[in-house]
Amino acid sequence: MGEICGPCLVCCFAGRSNRCGREGLWSQRCLNLNSFPRLDTSVLISTLETCRHPYRRNLGNTVMTVCLSLLIMPLLYNYLWYPNLRQQALQFSEDIVDHAYFPSIAVFQRMDWSSQATLDDISAEPNCFLGWYEPNAADCNTSEPGTLPCSCNGSWSEDIRDFVWQNASYRYLNMQATSAMLCNIPTTLMILQAFYWFNSTQEFVDSSWKLSPSLWVAIYDPTLTLQEALENGYTRMVLINANGMTAINLGLNYRQAFGSAPAYDYELSISTIPATSIVCDLGSTTQAATGPCHISLFLQIPSFTRQTSLLSYEMGWTQDVVSNAGAYFSFIQLISWIFSGIAFQT
């Protein structure tokens, strides 16, 4: 029985039962597995050679492709795709817009610094104009957008407010720009005036030197509040000479800070023509104060070229991971095609 059952058993395991004779030979004569050790080695080798399948290149290519994919794709996901799907980065671009909105502006006086000017909204109300200074100009909010000149006096805060920033106390006036304050032509002027008093004697007592009166200015996106703009880094306070005419060119820089929505962070180019005298010095011994001084700001957007920097991820599923996976899979297919022998098939 061993001489028959051995070849039958090997052939049946190899899927070649037709070489074993009758269809029921396995069930009738190969059931006794104890007879398997009686096989002669030469008989087993001969049987294996007889039952061996011929190599198929297409099948080898398929098996190799599947095995390499199961090995390489998880490694790529773990060490390449998954980290880059979570890694944030900035994408930079440049474009030209057909219009821009004028920004909001806040003028600050620091309370613990006597060389700062003292803001005043009682002796005279602050002014705001688009195009040019014209006291009788129509209100920008009621006239058609783009009408020049127009008055934006109503955009100033009704009174001086208190503000705390980085543990320092300030008084400030805020001009909150509206959607009607539109700039259709580059270099269109926005003119702002805010009034103040000054005391040079008190300044000298506190600091032992005499400086021109100064104020802080913050220029920010009108879609944000002052608090939001400062906290998210879209604006910062800039110290300027309050006793003079200050021109500020605004560069359009649209960017996105981490954890916040994108907004304008204007690039400022500032120049000042200082006044040669001061008419509001309450501490002067040579010239009596005749009325409040005013800070004059001339703002313009010289170009509609806009720099944009937005947050995105290093890789995205549709554009990056899928195309990347396709490229690696093509490389796997090429390797399998070569090593399976299909590349050399004639």
C-alpha atoms as a PDB file:
ATOM      1  CA  MET A   1       0.000   0.000   0.000  1.00  0.00           C
ATOM      2  CA  GLY A   2       2.934   2.332   0.732  1.00  0.00           C
ATOM      3  CA  GLU A   3       4.241   2.085  -2.801  1.00  0.00           C
ATOM      4  CA  ILE A   4       0.916   3.347  -4.144  1.00  0.00           C
ATOM      5  CA  CYS A   5      -0.223   5.701  -1.376  1.00  0.00           C
ATOM      6  CA  GLY A   6       2.979   7.799  -1.315  1.00  0.00           C
ATOM      7  CA  PRO A   7       2.801   9.060  -4.908  1.00  0.00           C
ATOM      8  CA  CYS A   8      -0.939   9.378  -4.593  1.00  0.00           C
ATOM      9  CA  LEU A   9      -0.648  11.493  -1.431  1.00  0.00           C
ATOM     10  CA  VAL A  10       1.949  13.862  -2.934  1.00  0.00           C
ATOM     11  CA  CYS A  11       0.065  14.201  -6.164  1.00  0.00           C
ATOM     12  CA  CYS A  12      -3.210  14.822  -4.394  1.00  0.00           C
ATOM     13  CA  PHE A  13      -1.563  17.616  -2.319  1.00  0.00           C
ATOM     14  CA  ALA A  14      -0.160  19.108  -5.522  1.00  0.00           C
ATOM     15  CA  GLY A  15      -3.547  19.078  -7.170  1.00  0.00           C
ATOM     16  CA  ARG A  16      -2.599  16.379  -9.706  1.00  0.00           C
ATOM     17  CA  SER A  17      -4.930  13.582  -8.627  1.00  0.00           C
ATOM     18  CA  ASN A  18      -5.463  12.515 -12.265  1.00  0.00           C
ATOM     19  CA  ARG A  19      -1.993  10.915 -12.178  1.00  0.00           C
ATOM     20  CA  CYS A  20      -3.022   8.628  -9.328  1.00  0.00           C
ATOM     21  CA  GLY A  21      -5.345   6.431 -11.251  1.00  0.00           C
ATOM     22  CA  ARG A  22      -8.925   6.051 -10.322  1.00  0.00           C
ATOM     23  CA  GLU A  23     -10.963   9.008  -8.999  1.00  0.00           C
ATOM     24  CA  GLY A  24     -11.607   7.302  -5.636  1.00  0.00           C
ATOM     25  CA  LEU A  25      -8.050   6.129  -5.039  1.00  0.00           C
ATOM     26  CA  TRP A  26      -7.470   8.856  -2.430  1.00  0.00           C
ATOM     27  CA  SER A  27     -10.382   7.914  -0.261  1.00  0.00           C
ATOM     28  CA  GLN A  28      -9.948   4.140  -0.593  1.00  0.00           C
ATOM     29  CA  ARG A  29      -6.206   3.539  -0.478  1.00  0.00           C
ATOM     30  CA  CYS A  30      -4.504   6.760   0.765  1.00  0.00           C
ATOM     31  CA  LEU A  31      -6.385   7.117   3.999  1.00  0.00           C
ATOM     32  CA  ASN A  32      -3.765   5.338   6.122  1.00  0.00           C
ATOM     33  CA  LEU A  33      -1.209   8.096   6.811  1.00  0.00           C
ATOM     34  CA  ASN A  34       0.977   5.716   8.829  1.00  0.00           C
ATOM     35  CA  SER A  35       2.191   4.242   5.551  1.00  0.00           C
ATOM     36  CA  PHE A  36       3.737   7.588   4.458  1.00  0.00           C
ATOM     37  CA  PRO A  37       7.111   7.015   6.212  1.00  0.00           C
ATOM     38  CA  ARG A  38       7.613   3.873   4.106  1.00  0.00           C
ATOM     39  CA  LEU A  39       8.161   6.016   1.010  1.00  0.00           C
ATOM     40  CA  ASP A  40      11.533   5.705  -0.568  1.00  0.00           C
ATOM     41  CA  THR A  41      13.350   9.095  -1.018  1.00  0.00           C
ATOM     42  CA  SER A  42      13.956   8.545  -4.693  1.00  0.00           C
ATOM     43  CA  VAL A  43      10.287   7.795  -5.203  1.00  0.00           C
ATOM     44  CA  LEU A  44       9.299  11.066  -3.438  1.00  0.00           C
ATOM     45  CA  ILE A  45      11.722  13.173  -5.507  1.00  0.00           C
ATOM     46  CA  SER A  46      10.568  11.512  -8.670  1.00  0.00           C
ATOM     47  CA  THR A  47       6.969  12.145  -7.732  1.00  0.00           C
ATOM     48  CA  LEU A  48       7.624  15.851  -6.922  1.00  0.00           C
ATOM     49  CA  GLU A  49       9.331  16.354 -10.255  1.00  0.00           C
ATOM     50  CA  THR A  50       6.422  14.676 -11.961  1.00  0.00           C
ATOM     51  CA  CYS A  51       3.811  16.773 -10.125  1.00  0.00           C
ATOM     52  CA  ARG A  52       5.673  20.177 -10.343  1.00  0.00           C
ATOM     53  CA  HIS A  53       3.734  23.035 -12.012  1.00  0.00           C
ATOM     54  CA  PRO A  54       5.467  24.940 -14.806  1.00  0.00           C
ATOM     55  CA  TYR A  55       6.434  28.604 -13.907  1.00  0.00           C
ATOM     56  CA  ARG A  56       4.027  31.205 -15.249  1.00  0.00           C
ATOM     57  CA  ARG A  57       5.506  34.691 -15.685  1.00  0.00           C
ATOM     58  CA  ASN A  58       2.160  36.510 -15.527  1.00  0.00           C
ATOM     59  CA  LEU A  59       1.313  34.836 -12.233  1.00  0.00           C
ATOM     60  CA  GLY A  60       4.780  35.603 -10.872  1.00  0.00           C
ATOM     61  CA  ASN A  61       4.412  39.256 -11.859  1.00  0.00           C
ATOM     62  CA  THR A  62       1.027  39.478 -10.120  1.00  0.00           C
ATOM     63  CA  VAL A  63       2.245  37.820  -6.928  1.00  0.00           C
ATOM     64  CA  MET A  64       5.363  40.006  -6.809  1.00  0.00           C
ATOM     65  CA  THR A  65       3.340  43.196  -7.389  1.00  0.00           C
ATOM     66  CA  VAL A  66       0.889  42.341  -4.610  1.00  0.00           C
ATOM     67  CA  CYS A  67       3.617  41.393  -2.132  1.00  0.00           C
ATOM     68  CA  LEU A  68       5.701  44.507  -2.796  1.00  0.00           C
ATOM     69  CA  SER A  69       2.606  46.721  -2.565  1.00  0.00           C
ATOM     70  CA  LEU A  70       1.609  45.195   0.770  1.00  0.00           C
ATOM     71  CA  LEU A  71       5.118  45.877   2.058  1.00  0.00           C
ATOM     72  CA  ILE A  72       5.887  49.322   0.594  1.00  0.00           C
ATOM     73  CA  MET A  73       2.526  51.142   0.686  1.00  0.00           C
ATOM     74  CA  PRO A  74       2.036  50.941   4.492  1.00  0.00           C
ATOM     75  CA  LEU A  75       5.617  52.136   5.000  1.00  0.00           C
ATOM     76  CA  LEU A  76       5.030  55.102   2.686  1.00  0.00           C
ATOM     77  CA  TYR A  77       1.824  56.026   4.501  1.00  0.00           C
ATOM     78  CA  ASN A  78       3.437  55.820   7.934  1.00  0.00           C
ATOM     79  CA  TYR A  79       6.673  57.671   7.178  1.00  0.00           C
ATOM     80  CA  LEU A  80       5.780  59.982   4.262  1.00  0.00           C
ATOM     81  CA  TRP A  81       2.105  60.608   3.613  1.00  0.00           C
ATOM     82  CA  TYR A  82       0.620  60.703   7.125  1.00  0.00           C
ATOM     83  CA  PRO A  83       3.190  63.200   8.550  1.00  0.00           C
ATOM     84  CA  ASN A  84       2.804  65.506   5.534  1.00  0.00           C
ATOM     85  CA  LEU A  85      -0.989  65.303   5.672  1.00  0.00           C
ATOM     86  CA  ARG A  86      -0.780  66.834   9.165  1.00  0.00           C
ATOM     87  CA  GLN A  87       2.121  69.248   8.608  1.00  0.00           C
ATOM     88  CA  GLN A  88       0.988  72.846   7.995  1.00  0.00           C
ATOM     89  CA  ALA A  89       2.919  75.150   5.671  1.00  0.00           C
ATOM     90  CA  LEU A  90       2.529  78.554   4.036  1.00  0.00           C
ATOM     91  CA  GLN A  91       1.787  78.874   0.335  1.00  0.00           C
ATOM     92  CA  PHE A  92       2.916  82.142  -1.246  1.00  0.00           C
ATOM     93  CA  SER A  93       1.417  83.770  -4.318  1.00  0.00           C
ATOM     94  CA  GLU A  94       1.063  87.185  -5.926  1.00  0.00           C
ATOM     95  CA  ASP A  95      -1.842  88.693  -7.812  1.00  0.00           C
ATOM     96  CA  ILE A  96      -3.340  92.040  -8.812  1.00  0.00           C
ATOM     97  CA  VAL A  97      -6.738  93.078  -7.448  1.00  0.00           C
ATOM     98  CA  ASP A  98      -9.024  95.593  -9.164  1.00  0.00           C
ATOM     99  CA  HIS A  99      -9.841  97.483  -5.944  1.00  0.00           C
ATOM    100  CA  ALA A 100      -9.033  97.597  -2.241  1.00  0.00           C
ATOM    101  CA  TYR A 101     -10.712  98.766   0.946  1.00  0.00           C
ATOM    102  CA  PHE A 102      -9.189 101.383   3.187  1.00  0.00           C
ATOM    103  CA  PRO A 103      -8.093 100.067   6.585  1.00  0.00           C
ATOM    104  CA  SER A 104      -9.250 100.864  10.082  1.00  0.00           C
ATOM    105  CA  ILE A 105      -6.933 103.035  12.194  1.00  0.00           C
ATOM    106  CA  ALA A 106      -6.474 103.436  15.944  1.00  0.00           C
ATOM    107  CA  VAL A 107      -4.493 106.266  17.582  1.00  0.00           C
ATOM    108  CA  PHE A 108      -3.113 105.471  21.052  1.00  0.00           C
ATOM    109  CA  GLN A 109      -1.794 107.484  23.976  1.00  0.00           C
ATOM    110  CA  ARG A 110       0.161 105.523  26.560  1.00  0.00           C
ATOM    111  CA  MET A 111      -0.926 106.538  30.043  1.00  0.00           C
ATOM    112  CA  ASP A 112       2.385 106.053  31.885  1.00  0.00           C
ATOM    113  CA  TRP A 113       4.499 108.029  29.403  1.00  0.00           C
ATOM    114  CA  SER A 114       4.324 111.813  29.779  1.00  0.00           C
ATOM    115  CA  SER A 115       6.171 112.504  26.509  1.00  0.00           C
ATOM    116  CA  GLN A 116       3.111 111.203  24.735  1.00  0.00           C
ATOM    117  CA  ALA A 117       0.495 113.640  23.524  1.00  0.00           C
ATOM    118  CA  THR A 118      -2.777 113.763  25.469  1.00  0.00           C
ATOM    119  CA  LEU A 119      -5.668 112.885  23.156  1.00  0.00           C
ATOM    120  CA  ASP A 120      -8.586 115.303  23.122  1.00  0.00           C
ATOM    121  CA  ASP A 121     -12.014 114.825  21.525  1.00  0.00           C
ATOM    122  CA  ILE A 122     -13.784 117.668  23.353  1.00  0.00           C
ATOM    123  CA  SER A 123     -12.068 120.780  21.983  1.00  0.00           C
ATOM    124  CA  ALA A 124     -12.322 119.445  18.424  1.00  0.00           C
ATOM    125  CA  GLU A 125     -13.717 116.292  16.838  1.00  0.00           C
ATOM    126  CA  PRO A 126     -11.455 114.070  14.718  1.00  0.00           C
ATOM    127  CA  ASN A 127     -11.727 114.244  10.932  1.00  0.00           C
ATOM    128  CA  CYS A 128     -11.639 111.684   8.126  1.00  0.00           C
ATOM    129  CA  PHE A 129     -11.794 112.310   4.372  1.00  0.00           C
ATOM    130  CA  LEU A 130     -11.294 110.294   1.210  1.00  0.00           C
ATOM    131  CA  GLY A 131      -9.817 112.020  -1.826  1.00  0.00           C
ATOM    132  CA  TRP A 132      -9.030 115.343  -0.162  1.00  0.00           C
ATOM    133  CA  TYR A 133      -9.924 117.526   2.800  1.00  0.00           C
ATOM    134  CA  GLU A 134     -13.378 118.917   2.013  1.00  0.00           C
ATOM    135  CA  PRO A 135     -15.517 119.915   5.028  1.00  0.00           C
ATOM    136  CA  ASN A 136     -18.712 120.000   2.937  1.00  0.00           C
ATOM    137  CA  ALA A 137     -18.157 116.660   1.203  1.00  0.00           C
ATOM    138  CA  ALA A 138     -20.912 114.048   1.197  1.00  0.00           C
ATOM    139  CA  ASP A 139     -20.844 111.183   3.661  1.00  0.00           C
ATOM    140  CA  CYS A 140     -18.961 108.184   2.242  1.00  0.00           C
ATOM    141  CA  ASN A 141     -21.535 105.794   3.721  1.00  0.00           C
ATOM    142  CA  THR A 142     -24.492 107.411   1.960  1.00  0.00           C
ATOM    143  CA  SER A 143     -22.906 108.364  -1.366  1.00  0.00           C
ATOM    144  CA  GLU A 144     -22.154 105.946  -4.175  1.00  0.00           C
ATOM    145  CA  PRO A 145     -18.973 103.902  -3.547  1.00  0.00           C
ATOM    146  CA  GLY A 146     -15.997 105.509  -5.231  1.00  0.00           C
ATOM    147  CA  THR A 147     -17.417 109.042  -5.058  1.00  0.00           C
ATOM    148  CA  LEU A 148     -14.599 111.488  -4.224  1.00  0.00           C
ATOM    149  CA  PRO A 149     -14.094 113.458  -2.136  1.00  0.00           C
ATOM    150  CA  CYS A 150     -16.278 112.187   0.672  1.00  0.00           C
ATOM    151  CA  SER A 151     -16.342 112.467   4.443  1.00  0.00           C
ATOM    152  CA  CYS A 152     -15.870 109.534   6.818  1.00  0.00           C
ATOM    153  CA  ASN A 153     -16.046 111.542  10.045  1.00  0.00           C
ATOM    154  CA  GLY A 154     -18.810 109.290  11.308  1.00  0.00           C
ATOM    155  CA  SER A 155     -16.460 106.308  11.347  1.00  0.00           C
ATOM    156  CA  TRP A 156     -14.530 107.655  14.352  1.00  0.00           C
ATOM    157  CA  SER A 157     -15.436 106.347  17.783  1.00  0.00           C
ATOM    158  CA  GLU A 158     -17.733 108.686  19.703  1.00  0.00           C
ATOM    159  CA  ASP A 159     -15.328 109.091  22.597  1.00  0.00           C
ATOM    160  CA  ILE A 160     -11.849 108.190  23.797  1.00  0.00           C
ATOM    161  CA  ARG A 161     -11.707 104.646  25.106  1.00  0.00           C
ATOM    162  CA  ASP A 162      -9.462 102.785  27.518  1.00  0.00           C
ATOM    163  CA  PHE A 163      -7.411  99.858  26.320  1.00  0.00           C
ATOM    164  CA  VAL A 164      -4.928  97.489  27.955  1.00  0.00           C
ATOM    165  CA  TRP A 165      -2.303  95.742  25.873  1.00  0.00           C
ATOM    166  CA  GLN A 166       0.628  93.736  27.245  1.00  0.00           C
ATOM    167  CA  ASN A 167       0.043  95.101  30.759  1.00  0.00           C
ATOM    168  CA  ALA A 168       0.198  98.725  29.582  1.00  0.00           C
ATOM    169  CA  SER A 169      -2.775 101.104  29.788  1.00  0.00           C
ATOM    170  CA  TYR A 170      -3.739 103.264  26.815  1.00  0.00           C
ATOM    171  CA  ARG A 171      -6.346 105.806  25.783  1.00  0.00           C
ATOM    172  CA  TYR A 172      -7.306 105.563  22.132  1.00  0.00           C
ATOM    173  CA  LEU A 173      -9.501 106.853  19.340  1.00  0.00           C
ATOM    174  CA  ASN A 174     -10.613 104.362  16.710  1.00  0.00           C
ATOM    175  CA  MET A 175     -11.640 104.943  13.100  1.00  0.00           C
ATOM    176  CA  GLN A 176     -13.533 101.817  12.009  1.00  0.00           C
ATOM    177  CA  ALA A 177     -13.593 101.738   8.201  1.00  0.00           C
ATOM    178  CA  THR A 178     -16.750 100.574   6.417  1.00  0.00           C
ATOM    179  CA  SER A 179     -17.352  98.766   3.130  1.00  0.00           C
ATOM    180  CA  ALA A 180     -18.252 102.124   1.551  1.00  0.00           C
ATOM    181  CA  MET A 181     -14.665 103.323   1.997  1.00  0.00           C
ATOM    182  CA  LEU A 182     -13.493 101.835  -1.262  1.00  0.00           C
ATOM    183  CA  CYS A 183     -10.298 102.547  -3.175  1.00  0.00           C
ATOM    184  CA  ASN A 184     -10.843 102.054  -6.920  1.00  0.00           C
ATOM    185  CA  ILE A 185      -7.758 103.951  -8.061  1.00  0.00           C
ATOM    186  CA  PRO A 186      -4.252 103.473  -6.626  1.00  0.00           C
ATOM    187  CA  THR A 187      -2.800 106.447  -4.696  1.00  0.00           C
ATOM    188  CA  THR A 188      -6.265 107.679  -3.621  1.00  0.00           C
ATOM    189  CA  LEU A 189      -5.729 109.564  -0.355  1.00  0.00           C
ATOM    190  CA  MET A 190      -7.287 108.974   3.029  1.00  0.00           C
ATOM    191  CA  ILE A 191      -6.735 111.969   5.328  1.00  0.00           C
ATOM    192  CA  LEU A 192      -7.123 111.615   9.094  1.00  0.00           C
ATOM    193  CA  GLN A 193      -6.855 114.181  11.868  1.00  0.00           C
ATOM    194  CA  ALA A 194      -7.001 113.672  15.632  1.00  0.00           C
ATOM    195  CA  PHE A 195      -6.451 116.394  18.226  1.00  0.00           C
ATOM    196  CA  TYR A 196      -4.306 116.483  21.353  1.00  0.00           C
ATOM    197  CA  TRP A 197      -2.595 118.609  24.004  1.00  0.00           C
ATOM    198  CA  PHE A 198       0.984 118.460  25.250  1.00  0.00           C
ATOM    199  CA  ASN A 199       2.990 119.479  28.338  1.00  0.00           C
ATOM    200  CA  SER A 200       6.723 119.848  27.696  1.00  0.00           C
ATOM    201  CA  THR A 201       7.481 120.880  31.299  1.00  0.00           C
ATOM    202  CA  GLN A 202       6.015 117.686  32.713  1.00  0.00           C
ATOM    203  CA  GLU A 203       7.862 115.692  30.071  1.00  0.00           C
ATOM    204  CA  PHE A 204      11.198 117.223  31.088  1.00  0.00           C
ATOM    205  CA  VAL A 205      10.556 116.602  34.794  1.00  0.00           C
ATOM    206  CA  ASP A 206       9.771 112.940  34.146  1.00  0.00           C
ATOM    207  CA  SER A 207      12.423 112.081  31.553  1.00  0.00           C
ATOM    208  CA  SER A 208      15.089 114.861  31.725  1.00  0.00           C
ATOM    209  CA  TRP A 209      14.809 115.615  28.034  1.00  0.00           C
ATOM    210  CA  LYS A 210      12.469 117.274  25.587  1.00  0.00           C
ATOM    211  CA  LEU A 211      10.928 115.395  22.722  1.00  0.00           C
ATOM    212  CA  SER A 212       8.257 116.168  20.194  1.00  0.00           C
ATOM    213  CA  PRO A 213       4.853 114.831  21.214  1.00  0.00           C
ATOM    214  CA  SER A 214       4.309 111.289  20.007  1.00  0.00           C
ATOM    215  CA  LEU A 215       1.420 108.859  19.578  1.00  0.00           C
ATOM    216  CA  TRP A 216       1.071 105.208  18.649  1.00  0.00           C
ATOM    217  CA  VAL A 217      -0.809 104.196  15.509  1.00  0.00           C
ATOM    218  CA  ALA A 218      -2.210 100.782  14.554  1.00  0.00           C
ATOM    219  CA  ILE A 219      -3.556 100.119  11.034  1.00  0.00           C
ATOM    220  CA  TYR A 220      -5.596  96.957  10.577  1.00  0.00           C
ATOM    221  CA  ASP A 221      -8.052  95.029   8.413  1.00  0.00           C
ATOM    222  CA  PRO A 222     -11.565  96.547   8.697  1.00  0.00           C
ATOM    223  CA  THR A 223     -13.115  93.066   8.896  1.00  0.00           C
ATOM    224  CA  LEU A 224     -11.412  92.574  12.280  1.00  0.00           C
ATOM    225  CA  THR A 225     -11.781  94.226  15.629  1.00  0.00           C
ATOM    226  CA  LEU A 226      -8.758  95.986  17.104  1.00  0.00           C
ATOM    227  CA  GLN A 227      -8.411  93.250  19.722  1.00  0.00           C
ATOM    228  CA  GLU A 228      -8.496  90.481  17.098  1.00  0.00           C
ATOM    229  CA  ALA A 229      -5.949  92.230  14.883  1.00  0.00           C
ATOM    230  CA  LEU A 230      -3.468  92.702  17.728  1.00  0.00           C
ATOM    231  CA  GLU A 231      -3.908  89.247  19.245  1.00  0.00           C
ATOM    232  CA  ASN A 232      -3.505  87.423  15.913  1.00  0.00           C
ATOM    233  CA  GLY A 233      -0.534  89.522  14.790  1.00  0.00           C
ATOM    234  CA  TYR A 234      -2.283  91.254  11.878  1.00  0.00           C
ATOM    235  CA  THR A 235      -1.251  94.667  13.180  1.00  0.00           C
ATOM    236  CA  ARG A 236       1.096  96.241  15.702  1.00  0.00           C
ATOM    237  CA  MET A 237       1.507  99.677  17.277  1.00  0.00           C
ATOM    238  CA  VAL A 238       3.891 102.058  15.504  1.00  0.00           C
ATOM    239  CA  LEU A 239       5.281 105.151  17.250  1.00  0.00           C
ATOM    240  CA  ILE A 240       5.119 108.347  15.181  1.00  0.00           C
ATOM    241  CA  ASN A 241       5.799 112.057  15.627  1.00  0.00           C
ATOM    242  CA  ALA A 242       2.399 113.555  16.374  1.00  0.00           C
ATOM    243  CA  ASN A 243       3.504 117.146  15.693  1.00  0.00           C
ATOM    244  CA  GLY A 244       3.805 116.949  11.936  1.00  0.00           C
ATOM    245  CA  MET A 245       2.418 115.518   8.703  1.00  0.00           C
ATOM    246  CA  THR A 246       2.867 111.773   8.343  1.00  0.00           C
ATOM    247  CA  ALA A 247       2.480 109.954   5.017  1.00  0.00           C
ATOM    248  CA  ILE A 248       1.901 106.200   5.095  1.00  0.00           C
ATOM    249  CA  ASN A 249       1.976 103.961   2.021  1.00  0.00           C
ATOM    250  CA  LEU A 250       0.103 100.684   2.455  1.00  0.00           C
ATOM    251  CA  GLY A 251       1.331  97.479   0.848  1.00  0.00           C
ATOM    252  CA  LEU A 252      -1.349  94.823   0.383  1.00  0.00           C
ATOM    253  CA  ASN A 253      -0.273  91.725   2.262  1.00  0.00           C
ATOM    254  CA  TYR A 254      -3.025  89.142   2.671  1.00  0.00           C
ATOM    255  CA  ARG A 255      -1.918  86.377   4.993  1.00  0.00           C
ATOM    256  CA  GLN A 256      -3.174  83.747   7.400  1.00  0.00           C
ATOM    257  CA  ALA A 257      -1.907  83.353  10.944  1.00  0.00           C
ATOM    258  CA  PHE A 258      -1.977  79.982  12.701  1.00  0.00           C
ATOM    259  CA  GLY A 259      -5.374  79.255  14.174  1.00  0.00           C
ATOM    260  CA  SER A 260      -7.178  82.194  12.565  1.00  0.00           C
ATOM    261  CA  ALA A 261      -8.873  83.227   9.330  1.00  0.00           C
ATOM    262  CA  PRO A 262      -6.838  85.101   6.676  1.00  0.00           C
ATOM    263  CA  ALA A 263      -6.822  88.910   6.796  1.00  0.00           C
ATOM    264  CA  TYR A 264      -4.808  91.888   5.585  1.00  0.00           C
ATOM    265  CA  ASP A 265      -1.576  92.682   7.390  1.00  0.00           C
ATOM    266  CA  TYR A 266      -0.601  95.962   5.755  1.00  0.00           C
ATOM    267  CA  GLU A 267       3.039  96.650   5.023  1.00  0.00           C
ATOM    268  CA  LEU A 268       3.735 100.221   6.130  1.00  0.00           C
ATOM    269  CA  SER A 269       6.130 102.709   4.573  1.00  0.00           C
ATOM    270  CA  ILE A 270       6.159 105.826   6.794  1.00  0.00           C
ATOM    271  CA  SER A 271       7.627 109.296   6.293  1.00  0.00           C
ATOM    272  CA  THR A 272       7.068 112.419   8.432  1.00  0.00           C
ATOM    273  CA  ILE A 273       7.513 116.149   7.939  1.00  0.00           C
ATOM    274  CA  PRO A 274       7.832 117.589  11.482  1.00  0.00           C
ATOM    275  CA  ALA A 275       6.299 120.922  12.399  1.00  0.00           C
ATOM    276  CA  THR A 276       8.651 123.768  13.349  1.00  0.00           C
ATOM    277  CA  SER A 277       6.494 124.962  16.236  1.00  0.00           C
ATOM    278  CA  ILE A 278       3.879 123.678  18.629  1.00  0.00           C
ATOM    279  CA  VAL A 279       0.709 125.575  19.545  1.00  0.00           C
ATOM    280  CA  CYS A 280      -0.692 123.241  22.210  1.00  0.00           C
ATOM    281  CA  ASP A 281       2.155 123.125  24.754  1.00  0.00           C
ATOM    282  CA  LEU A 282       0.559 123.718  28.142  1.00  0.00           C
ATOM    283  CA  GLY A 283       3.960 123.793  29.858  1.00  0.00           C
ATOM    284  CA  SER A 284       5.736 126.248  27.569  1.00  0.00           C
ATOM    285  CA  THR A 285       7.183 129.391  29.164  1.00  0.00           C
ATOM    286  CA  THR A 286       7.861 131.128  25.852  1.00  0.00           C
ATOM    287  CA  GLN A 287       4.720 130.499  23.834  1.00  0.00           C
ATOM    288  CA  ALA A 288       1.281 130.142  25.355  1.00  0.00           C
ATOM    289  CA  ALA A 289      -0.965 127.369  24.095  1.00  0.00           C
ATOM    290  CA  THR A 290      -3.537 128.723  21.635  1.00  0.00           C
ATOM    291  CA  GLY A 291      -5.484 125.540  20.944  1.00  0.00           C
ATOM    292  CA  PRO A 292      -5.138 121.811  20.451  1.00  0.00           C
ATOM    293  CA  CYS A 293      -2.617 120.388  18.017  1.00  0.00           C
ATOM    294  CA  HIS A 294      -3.597 117.722  15.524  1.00  0.00           C
ATOM    295  CA  ILE A 295      -1.926 114.642  14.180  1.00  0.00           C
ATOM    296  CA  SER A 296      -2.266 114.482  10.387  1.00  0.00           C
ATOM    297  CA  LEU A 297      -2.104 111.139   8.586  1.00  0.00           C
ATOM    298  CA  PHE A 298      -2.082 110.806   4.799  1.00  0.00           C
ATOM    299  CA  LEU A 299      -2.661 107.189   3.788  1.00  0.00           C
ATOM    300  CA  GLN A 300      -2.619 105.741   0.289  1.00  0.00           C
ATOM    301  CA  ILE A 301      -2.450 102.380  -1.450  1.00  0.00           C
ATOM    302  CA  PRO A 302       0.145 102.972  -4.188  1.00  0.00           C
ATOM    303  CA  SER A 303      -0.375  99.640  -5.967  1.00  0.00           C
ATOM    304  CA  PHE A 304      -3.022  96.942  -6.200  1.00  0.00           C
ATOM    305  CA  THR A 305      -0.396  94.207  -6.364  1.00  0.00           C
ATOM    306  CA  ARG A 306      -1.150  91.850  -3.498  1.00  0.00           C
ATOM    307  CA  GLN A 307       1.099  89.372  -1.726  1.00  0.00           C
ATOM    308  CA  THR A 308      -0.770  86.339  -0.391  1.00  0.00           C
ATOM    309  CA  SER A 309       0.419  83.744   2.109  1.00  0.00           C
ATOM    310  CA  LEU A 310      -2.133  81.153   3.200  1.00  0.00           C
ATOM    311  CA  LEU A 311      -1.859  78.135   5.450  1.00  0.00           C
ATOM    312  CA  SER A 312      -2.229  74.706   3.889  1.00  0.00           C
ATOM    313  CA  TYR A 313      -0.965  71.181   4.443  1.00  0.00           C
ATOM    314  CA  GLU A 314       2.221  69.828   2.907  1.00  0.00           C
ATOM    315  CA  MET A 315       0.193  67.148   1.118  1.00  0.00           C
ATOM    316  CA  GLY A 316      -3.468  66.692   0.233  1.00  0.00           C
ATOM    317  CA  TRP A 317      -5.329  63.475  -0.414  1.00  0.00           C
ATOM    318  CA  THR A 318      -6.518  64.147  -3.950  1.00  0.00           C
ATOM    319  CA  GLN A 319      -3.672  66.106  -5.483  1.00  0.00           C
ATOM    320  CA  ASP A 320      -0.660  64.710  -3.660  1.00  0.00           C
ATOM    321  CA  VAL A 321      -1.216  61.354  -1.950  1.00  0.00           C
ATOM    322  CA  VAL A 322      -3.182  59.745  -4.792  1.00  0.00           C
ATOM    323  CA  SER A 323      -0.744  60.885  -7.483  1.00  0.00           C
ATOM    324  CA  ASN A 324       2.205  59.973  -5.259  1.00  0.00           C
ATOM    325  CA  ALA A 325       0.803  56.509  -4.618  1.00  0.00           C
ATOM    326  CA  GLY A 326       0.218  56.046  -8.342  1.00  0.00           C
ATOM    327  CA  ALA A 327       3.840  56.915  -9.077  1.00  0.00           C
ATOM    328  CA  TYR A 328       5.145  54.456  -6.477  1.00  0.00           C
ATOM    329  CA  PHE A 329       2.787  51.742  -7.699  1.00  0.00           C
ATOM    330  CA  SER A 330       4.071  52.239 -11.244  1.00  0.00           C
ATOM    331  CA  PHE A 331       7.609  51.791  -9.919  1.00  0.00           C
ATOM    332  CA  ILE A 332       6.545  48.576  -8.138  1.00  0.00           C
ATOM    333  CA  GLN A 333       5.017  47.304 -11.372  1.00  0.00           C
ATOM    334  CA  LEU A 334       8.244  48.059 -13.224  1.00  0.00           C
ATOM    335  CA  ILE A 335      10.304  46.130 -10.657  1.00  0.00           C
ATOM    336  CA  SER A 336       7.884  43.206 -10.790  1.00  0.00           C
ATOM    337  CA  TRP A 337       7.849  43.285 -14.572  1.00  0.00           C
ATOM    338  CA  ILE A 338      11.640  42.978 -14.669  1.00  0.00           C
ATOM    339  CA  PHE A 339      12.180  40.378 -11.937  1.00  0.00           C
ATOM    340  CA  SER A 340       9.240  38.203 -12.975  1.00  0.00           C
ATOM    341  CA  GLY A 341      10.802  37.815 -16.398  1.00  0.00           C
ATOM    342  CA  ILE A 342       7.992  39.377 -18.395  1.00  0.00           C
ATOM    343  CA  ALA A 343      10.388  42.086 -19.555  1.00  0.00           C
ATOM    344  CA  PHE A 344      12.494  39.429 -21.293  1.00  0.00           C
ATOM    345  CA  GLN A 345       9.608  37.426 -22.703  1.00  0.00           C
ATOM    346  CA  THR A 346       9.697  37.067 -26.490  1.00  0.00           C
END
